[in-house]
C-alpha atoms as a PDB file:
ATOM      1  CA  MET A   1     -25.028 -16.482  11.302  1.00  0.00           C
ATOM      2  CA  LYS A   2     -23.839 -17.928  14.288  1.00  0.00           C
ATOM      3  CA  ILE A   3     -20.084 -17.870  15.501  1.00  0.00           C
ATOM      4  CA  THR A   4     -19.166 -19.605  18.651  1.00  0.00           C
ATOM      5  CA  PHE A   5     -15.652 -19.170  20.154  1.00  0.00           C
ATOM      6  CA  LEU A   6     -13.844 -22.192  20.619  1.00  0.00           C
ATOM      7  CA  GLY A   7     -10.517 -20.898  22.237  1.00  0.00           C
ATOM      8  CA  HIS A   8      -7.149 -18.948  21.243  1.00  0.00           C
ATOM      9  CA  ALA A   9      -8.356 -17.809  17.164  1.00  0.00           C
ATOM     10  CA  ALA A  10     -10.696 -20.393  16.591  1.00  0.00           C
ATOM     11  CA  LEU A  11     -14.354 -20.259  16.075  1.00  0.00           C
ATOM     12  CA  LEU A  12     -16.943 -22.126  14.386  1.00  0.00           C
ATOM     13  CA  VAL A  13     -19.596 -20.519  12.074  1.00  0.00           C
ATOM     14  CA  GLU A  14     -22.613 -21.339  10.776  1.00  0.00           C
ATOM     15  CA  ASP A  15     -25.597 -20.332   8.934  1.00  0.00           C
ATOM     16  CA  ILE A  16     -27.904 -22.675   6.528  1.00  0.00           C
ATOM     17  CA  ASN A  17     -25.619 -25.252   4.627  1.00  0.00           C
ATOM     18  CA  PHE A  18     -22.879 -23.748   5.756  1.00  0.00           C
ATOM     19  CA  LYS A  19     -20.587 -24.763   8.929  1.00  0.00           C
ATOM     20  CA  ALA A  20     -17.559 -23.699   8.883  1.00  0.00           C
ATOM     21  CA  LEU A  21     -13.903 -23.661  10.859  1.00  0.00           C
ATOM     22  CA  ILE A  22     -11.615 -21.048  11.716  1.00  0.00           C
ATOM     23  CA  ASP A  23      -8.373 -21.732  12.568  1.00  0.00           C
ATOM     24  CA  PRO A  24      -8.813 -25.053  14.149  1.00  0.00           C
ATOM     25  CA  TYR A  25      -6.712 -25.097  16.323  1.00  0.00           C
ATOM     26  CA  LEU A  26      -8.466 -28.083  18.488  1.00  0.00           C
ATOM     27  CA  THR A  27      -5.905 -30.348  19.832  1.00  0.00           C
ATOM     28  CA  GLY A  28      -3.313 -29.293  21.794  1.00  0.00           C
ATOM     29  CA  ASN A  29      -5.686 -26.209  22.738  1.00  0.00           C
ATOM     30  CA  PRO A  30      -5.751 -26.214  26.813  1.00  0.00           C
ATOM     31  CA  LEU A  31      -8.555 -23.621  26.603  1.00  0.00           C
ATOM     32  CA  TYR A  32     -10.460 -25.861  23.892  1.00  0.00           C
ATOM     33  CA  LYS A  33     -13.478 -28.315  24.990  1.00  0.00           C
ATOM     34  CA  LYS A  34     -13.785 -31.029  22.824  1.00  0.00           C
ATOM     35  CA  ASN A  35     -17.176 -31.533  21.228  1.00  0.00           C
ATOM     36  CA  ARG A  36     -18.073 -33.967  18.298  1.00  0.00           C
ATOM     37  CA  TYR A  37     -19.984 -31.264  17.064  1.00  0.00           C
ATOM     38  CA  ASP A  38     -17.566 -28.736  15.984  1.00  0.00           C
ATOM     39  CA  ILE A  39     -15.902 -31.294  13.578  1.00  0.00           C
ATOM     40  CA  GLU A  40     -18.553 -33.159  12.070  1.00  0.00           C
ATOM     41  CA  GLY A  41     -20.538 -31.737   8.991  1.00  0.00           C
ATOM     42  CA  VAL A  42     -18.007 -29.141   8.232  1.00  0.00           C
ATOM     43  CA  THR A  43     -18.266 -27.918   5.093  1.00  0.00           C
ATOM     44  CA  HIS A  44     -15.825 -25.326   5.255  1.00  0.00           C
ATOM     45  CA  ILE A  45     -12.451 -24.347   6.516  1.00  0.00           C
ATOM     46  CA  PHE A  46     -10.374 -21.419   6.589  1.00  0.00           C
ATOM     47  CA  ILE A  47      -6.775 -20.585   7.798  1.00  0.00           C
ATOM     48  CA  THR A  48      -5.344 -17.177   8.480  1.00  0.00           C
ATOM     49  CA  HIS A  49      -1.165 -18.553   8.507  1.00  0.00           C
ATOM     50  CA  GLY A  50       0.341 -21.811   8.704  1.00  0.00           C
ATOM     51  CA  HIS A  51       1.365 -21.733  12.155  1.00  0.00           C
ATOM     52  CA  ARG A  52       0.486 -24.583  13.917  1.00  0.00           C
ATOM     53  CA  ASP A  53      -1.580 -22.919  16.820  1.00  0.00           C
ATOM     54  CA  HIS A  54      -4.192 -21.815  13.568  1.00  0.00           C
ATOM     55  CA  VAL A  55      -3.516 -24.703  11.164  1.00  0.00           C
ATOM     56  CA  GLY A  56      -4.323 -27.341  13.787  1.00  0.00           C
ATOM     57  CA  ASP A  57      -6.881 -29.900  13.129  1.00  0.00           C
ATOM     58  CA  ALA A  58      -7.761 -28.128   9.716  1.00  0.00           C
ATOM     59  CA  LEU A  59      -6.283 -31.548   6.984  1.00  0.00           C
ATOM     60  CA  ASP A  60      -8.327 -34.403   9.308  1.00  0.00           C
ATOM     61  CA  ILE A  61     -11.041 -32.329   9.736  1.00  0.00           C
ATOM     62  CA  ALA A  62     -11.270 -31.398   6.286  1.00  0.00           C
ATOM     63  CA  LYS A  63     -10.405 -35.178   4.743  1.00  0.00           C
ATOM     64  CA  ALA A  64     -13.216 -36.089   7.402  1.00  0.00           C
ATOM     65  CA  ASN A  65     -15.700 -34.135   6.119  1.00  0.00           C
ATOM     66  CA  ASP A  66     -15.011 -33.410   2.753  1.00  0.00           C
ATOM     67  CA  ALA A  67     -14.656 -29.924   3.805  1.00  0.00           C
ATOM     68  CA  LEU A  68     -13.260 -26.502   1.128  1.00  0.00           C
ATOM     69  CA  ILE A  69      -9.946 -24.879   2.412  1.00  0.00           C
ATOM     70  CA  ILE A  70     -10.066 -21.370   1.981  1.00  0.00           C
ATOM     71  CA  SER A  71      -5.614 -20.219   2.548  1.00  0.00           C
ATOM     72  CA  ASN A  72      -3.540 -18.450   1.075  1.00  0.00           C
ATOM     73  CA  ALA A  73      -1.754 -19.947  -2.342  1.00  0.00           C
ATOM     74  CA  GLU A  74       1.286 -20.892  -0.589  1.00  0.00           C
ATOM     75  CA  LEU A  75       0.004 -22.725   2.075  1.00  0.00           C
ATOM     76  CA  ALA A  76      -2.823 -24.331  -0.617  1.00  0.00           C
ATOM     77  CA  SER A  77      -0.004 -25.547  -2.525  1.00  0.00           C
ATOM     78  CA  ALA A  78       1.449 -26.760   0.901  1.00  0.00           C
ATOM     79  CA  PHE A  79      -1.609 -28.662   1.202  1.00  0.00           C
ATOM     80  CA  HIS A  80      -1.701 -30.429  -1.769  1.00  0.00           C
ATOM     81  CA  GLN A  81       1.561 -31.672  -1.648  1.00  0.00           C
ATOM     82  CA  HIS A  82       0.465 -32.908   1.827  1.00  0.00           C
ATOM     83  CA  ASP A  83      -2.562 -34.809   0.568  1.00  0.00           C
ATOM     84  CA  LYS A  84      -4.004 -34.321  -3.240  1.00  0.00           C
ATOM     85  CA  GLU A  85      -7.115 -35.330  -2.531  1.00  0.00           C
ATOM     86  CA  LEU A  86      -7.694 -32.243  -0.786  1.00  0.00           C
ATOM     87  CA  LYS A  87     -10.392 -29.177  -1.556  1.00  0.00           C
ATOM     88  CA  LEU A  88      -8.766 -26.753  -1.623  1.00  0.00           C
ATOM     89  CA  HIS A  89      -9.055 -22.389  -2.547  1.00  0.00           C
ATOM     90  CA  PRO A  90      -5.892 -21.203  -2.819  1.00  0.00           C
ATOM     91  CA  MET A  91      -6.804 -16.658  -2.456  1.00  0.00           C
ATOM     92  CA  HIS A  92      -4.285 -13.794  -1.705  1.00  0.00           C
ATOM     93  CA  ILE A  93      -4.483 -10.305   0.294  1.00  0.00           C
ATOM     94  CA  GLY A  94      -6.812  -8.308  -1.325  1.00  0.00           C
ATOM     95  CA  GLY A  95      -8.105 -10.914  -3.503  1.00  0.00           C
ATOM     96  CA  SER A  96     -12.137 -11.200  -2.390  1.00  0.00           C
ATOM     97  CA  PHE A  97     -14.723 -13.983  -4.334  1.00  0.00           C
ATOM     98  CA  THR A  98     -18.316 -14.775  -3.914  1.00  0.00           C
ATOM     99  CA  PHE A  99     -19.237 -18.484  -3.050  1.00  0.00           C
ATOM    100  CA  PRO A 100     -22.479 -19.991  -2.784  1.00  0.00           C
ATOM    101  CA  PHE A 101     -22.862 -19.136   0.766  1.00  0.00           C
ATOM    102  CA  GLY A 102     -21.723 -15.506   0.435  1.00  0.00           C
ATOM    103  CA  ARG A 103     -18.549 -13.303   0.013  1.00  0.00           C
ATOM    104  CA  VAL A 104     -15.084 -13.747   1.518  1.00  0.00           C
ATOM    105  CA  LYS A 105     -11.936 -11.402   1.226  1.00  0.00           C
ATOM    106  CA  MET A 106      -8.791 -11.698   2.084  1.00  0.00           C
ATOM    107  CA  THR A 107      -7.136  -8.642   4.378  1.00  0.00           C
ATOM    108  CA  PRO A 108      -3.390  -7.854   5.391  1.00  0.00           C
ATOM    109  CA  ALA A 109      -2.250  -9.454   8.611  1.00  0.00           C
ATOM    110  CA  VAL A 110       1.455  -8.147   9.633  1.00  0.00           C
ATOM    111  CA  HIS A 111       2.637 -11.719  11.231  1.00  0.00           C
ATOM    112  CA  GLY A 112       5.355 -14.669  10.441  1.00  0.00           C
ATOM    113  CA  SER A 113       3.554 -17.789   8.463  1.00  0.00           C
ATOM    114  CA  SER A 114       4.999 -21.082   7.942  1.00  0.00           C
ATOM    115  CA  TYR A 115       3.661 -24.635   7.539  1.00  0.00           C
ATOM    116  CA  GLN A 116       5.344 -27.939   9.289  1.00  0.00           C
ATOM    117  CA  ASP A 117       4.353 -31.146   8.321  1.00  0.00           C
ATOM    118  CA  GLU A 118       6.657 -34.613   8.723  1.00  0.00           C
ATOM    119  CA  HIS A 119       8.988 -33.428   5.293  1.00  0.00           C
ATOM    120  CA  GLY A 120      10.206 -30.609   7.098  1.00  0.00           C
ATOM    121  CA  SER A 121       9.217 -26.358   7.176  1.00  0.00           C
ATOM    122  CA  HIS A 122       6.811 -24.883   3.876  1.00  0.00           C
ATOM    123  CA  ASP A 123       6.402 -21.338   2.858  1.00  0.00           C
ATOM    124  CA  GLY A 124       3.020 -20.274   4.524  1.00  0.00           C
ATOM    125  CA  GLY A 125       2.900 -17.284   2.233  1.00  0.00           C
ATOM    126  CA  ASN A 126       1.648 -13.977   3.192  1.00  0.00           C
ATOM    127  CA  PRO A 127      -0.639 -13.980   7.162  1.00  0.00           C
ATOM    128  CA  GLY A 128      -3.861 -12.684   6.498  1.00  0.00           C
ATOM    129  CA  GLY A 129      -7.211 -11.941   7.994  1.00  0.00           C
ATOM    130  CA  PHE A 130     -10.764 -12.765   6.687  1.00  0.00           C
ATOM    131  CA  LEU A 131     -13.676 -10.632   6.476  1.00  0.00           C
ATOM    132  CA  ILE A 132     -16.943 -13.216   5.541  1.00  0.00           C
ATOM    133  CA  THR A 133     -20.183 -12.117   4.438  1.00  0.00           C
ATOM    134  CA  ILE A 134     -23.077 -13.790   4.408  1.00  0.00           C
ATOM    135  CA  ASN A 135     -26.483 -12.583   4.385  1.00  0.00           C
ATOM    136  CA  GLY A 136     -25.584  -8.897   4.631  1.00  0.00           C
ATOM    137  CA  LYS A 137     -23.837  -9.757   7.882  1.00  0.00           C
ATOM    138  CA  THR A 138     -20.127  -9.166   7.890  1.00  0.00           C
ATOM    139  CA  LEU A 139     -17.541 -10.907  10.255  1.00  0.00           C
ATOM    140  CA  TYR A 140     -13.492  -9.917  10.288  1.00  0.00           C
ATOM    141  CA  HIS A 141     -11.213 -12.697  11.631  1.00  0.00           C
ATOM    142  CA  ALA A 142      -8.055 -10.964  12.002  1.00  0.00           C
ATOM    143  CA  GLY A 143      -5.566 -13.511  12.360  1.00  0.00           C
ATOM    144  CA  ASP A 144      -2.251 -13.024  13.765  1.00  0.00           C
ATOM    145  CA  THR A 145      -1.838  -9.274  13.766  1.00  0.00           C
ATOM    146  CA  GLY A 146       0.145  -6.271  14.796  1.00  0.00           C
ATOM    147  CA  LEU A 147      -1.866  -3.262  14.326  1.00  0.00           C
ATOM    148  CA  ILE A 148      -1.725  -1.449  11.043  1.00  0.00           C
ATOM    149  CA  MET A 149      -2.886   1.114   8.669  1.00  0.00           C
ATOM    150  CA  ASP A 150      -4.863  -0.902   6.105  1.00  0.00           C
ATOM    151  CA  MET A 151      -7.624  -1.406   9.754  1.00  0.00           C
ATOM    152  CA  GLN A 152      -8.448   1.689   8.836  1.00  0.00           C
ATOM    153  CA  LEU A 153     -10.125   0.667   5.077  1.00  0.00           C
ATOM    154  CA  LEU A 154     -12.072  -2.236   6.916  1.00  0.00           C
ATOM    155  CA  ALA A 155     -14.335   0.776   7.910  1.00  0.00           C
ATOM    156  CA  ASP A 156     -16.230   0.577   4.679  1.00  0.00           C
ATOM    157  CA  GLU A 157     -16.665  -3.009   5.454  1.00  0.00           C
ATOM    158  CA  HIS A 158     -19.669  -2.063   7.968  1.00  0.00           C
ATOM    159  CA  VAL A 159     -18.296  -5.426  10.005  1.00  0.00           C
ATOM    160  CA  ASP A 160     -20.799  -6.305  12.694  1.00  0.00           C
ATOM    161  CA  VAL A 161     -18.407  -7.881  14.526  1.00  0.00           C
ATOM    162  CA  ALA A 162     -14.847  -8.207  14.817  1.00  0.00           C
ATOM    163  CA  PHE A 163     -12.646 -10.843  16.942  1.00  0.00           C
ATOM    164  CA  LEU A 164      -9.078  -9.137  17.351  1.00  0.00           C
ATOM    165  CA  PRO A 165      -6.469 -10.668  18.940  1.00  0.00           C
ATOM    166  CA  ILE A 166      -4.768  -8.988  22.722  1.00  0.00           C
ATOM    167  CA  GLY A 167      -1.965 -11.368  23.694  1.00  0.00           C
ATOM    168  CA  GLY A 168       0.631  -9.155  22.712  1.00  0.00           C
ATOM    169  CA  ASN A 169       4.251 -10.631  22.212  1.00  0.00           C
ATOM    170  CA  TYR A 170       2.975 -11.736  18.622  1.00  0.00           C
ATOM    171  CA  THR A 171       0.255  -9.984  17.767  1.00  0.00           C
ATOM    172  CA  MET A 172      -1.650  -6.749  19.066  1.00  0.00           C
ATOM    173  CA  ASP A 173      -1.437  -6.002  22.559  1.00  0.00           C
ATOM    174  CA  ILE A 174      -4.755  -4.352  24.423  1.00  0.00           C
ATOM    175  CA  LYS A 175      -3.563  -0.619  23.763  1.00  0.00           C
ATOM    176  CA  ASP A 176      -3.303  -1.089  20.069  1.00  0.00           C
ATOM    177  CA  ALA A 177      -6.737  -3.574  19.935  1.00  0.00           C
ATOM    178  CA  VAL A 178      -8.298  -0.630  21.251  1.00  0.00           C
ATOM    179  CA  LYS A 179      -6.728   1.452  18.256  1.00  0.00           C
ATOM    180  CA  ALA A 180      -7.700  -0.755  15.600  1.00  0.00           C
ATOM    181  CA  VAL A 181     -11.117  -0.851  16.798  1.00  0.00           C
ATOM    182  CA  THR A 182     -11.224   2.999  16.552  1.00  0.00           C
ATOM    183  CA  PHE A 183      -9.953   1.804  12.610  1.00  0.00           C
ATOM    184  CA  ILE A 184     -11.943  -0.916  11.922  1.00  0.00           C
ATOM    185  CA  LYS A 185     -15.729   0.831  13.362  1.00  0.00           C
ATOM    186  CA  PRO A 186     -17.523  -2.908  14.277  1.00  0.00           C
ATOM    187  CA  LYS A 187     -20.511  -3.030  15.525  1.00  0.00           C
ATOM    188  CA  GLN A 188     -19.237  -5.618  18.071  1.00  0.00           C
ATOM    189  CA  VAL A 189     -15.711  -6.371  18.625  1.00  0.00           C
ATOM    190  CA  VAL A 190     -14.664  -9.182  20.772  1.00  0.00           C
ATOM    191  CA  PRO A 191     -11.050 -10.476  21.994  1.00  0.00           C
ATOM    192  CA  MET A 192      -8.881 -13.642  20.635  1.00  0.00           C
ATOM    193  CA  HIS A 193      -5.604 -14.755  21.483  1.00  0.00           C
ATOM    194  CA  TYR A 194      -4.978 -14.400  24.805  1.00  0.00           C
ATOM    195  CA  ASN A 195      -4.200 -16.652  27.699  1.00  0.00           C
ATOM    196  CA  THR A 196      -3.399 -20.011  25.877  1.00  0.00           C
ATOM    197  CA  PHE A 197      -0.069 -19.408  27.195  1.00  0.00           C
ATOM    198  CA  PRO A 198       1.785 -18.033  29.371  1.00  0.00           C
ATOM    199  CA  LEU A 199       3.419 -15.347  26.549  1.00  0.00           C
ATOM    200  CA  ILE A 200       0.052 -13.999  26.138  1.00  0.00           C
ATOM    201  CA  LYS A 201      -1.754 -13.421  29.479  1.00  0.00           C
ATOM    202  CA  ALA A 202      -4.315 -10.432  28.934  1.00  0.00           C
ATOM    203  CA  ASP A 203      -7.230  -8.972  30.967  1.00  0.00           C
ATOM    204  CA  PRO A 204     -10.307  -9.228  28.570  1.00  0.00           C
ATOM    205  CA  GLU A 205     -12.069  -6.463  31.161  1.00  0.00           C
ATOM    206  CA  GLU A 206      -9.199  -4.057  30.682  1.00  0.00           C
ATOM    207  CA  PHE A 207     -10.292  -4.463  27.063  1.00  0.00           C
ATOM    208  CA  ARG A 208     -13.694  -3.554  27.412  1.00  0.00           C
ATOM    209  CA  SER A 209     -12.835  -1.110  29.463  1.00  0.00           C
ATOM    210  CA  LYS A 210     -11.262   1.270  27.332  1.00  0.00           C
ATOM    211  CA  VAL A 211     -13.470   0.166  24.190  1.00  0.00           C
ATOM    212  CA  LYS A 212     -15.620   3.558  24.183  1.00  0.00           C
ATOM    213  CA  ASP A 213     -16.661   2.830  19.850  1.00  0.00           C
ATOM    214  CA  ALA A 214     -18.041  -0.655  19.722  1.00  0.00           C
ATOM    215  CA  THR A 215     -20.033  -3.017  22.160  1.00  0.00           C
ATOM    216  CA  VAL A 216     -17.335  -5.417  23.646  1.00  0.00           C
ATOM    217  CA  VAL A 217     -18.220  -9.136  23.856  1.00  0.00           C
ATOM    218  CA  ILE A 218     -16.559 -11.295  25.667  1.00  0.00           C
ATOM    219  CA  LEU A 219     -17.061 -14.767  24.448  1.00  0.00           C
ATOM    220  CA  GLN A 220     -15.223 -17.788  27.242  1.00  0.00           C
ATOM    221  CA  PRO A 221     -14.799 -21.529  25.004  1.00  0.00           C
ATOM    222  CA  ARG A 222     -18.300 -22.628  23.515  1.00  0.00           C
ATOM    223  CA  ASP A 223     -20.163 -19.036  24.371  1.00  0.00           C
ATOM    224  CA  SER A 224     -21.511 -17.720  21.193  1.00  0.00           C
ATOM    225  CA  ILE A 225     -22.634 -14.595  19.756  1.00  0.00           C
ATOM    226  CA  LYS A 226     -25.645 -14.285  16.781  1.00  0.00           C
ATOM    227  CA  ILE A 227     -25.447 -11.139  14.014  1.00  0.00           C
END
């Protein structure tokens, strides 16, 4: 599995016959380095919650590629109302499903969620994260969340790489993200959701210096990691 960081909380995840985006906030993302490859041939799109900086370009990319959007049920319903031709797979927190490419489980997150379009504001359902397991390797994308005790249960998932927010204000800060690593026990951890805007300014090197229980990999936009 190859995972490319696109800035903020956006990831491109690739494996055989699988090309997915997670929280594809591309247009308007000051950290994103535009590349058409990112949006061509996408098969799946994962959305952790309804905020603009996470839904991003998901609907346009899905429509252009006939890609399947995987989200909570409330967002799936809102997206269906927006465009009834979209392919959607609704899930809920704690639910898991085995797709042809592998297993997906939605995990809890403590945050808000709403979805806005030209028709107004819609219920964004519960925010969440995703565990994605392909060929025995597991990626955890925490979404936007504060530190929660539920993360201790993720140690049983044997996470190969965890993407955790560190920017504070809207999510965990560095101190709480370090604690989250002790709960999750991933082999590797990548900080995300920082330095996109002044309110979430954080130093990933400080995060690296404080993590003792996993290998910290700091990715710049367009850098990749393989698991």
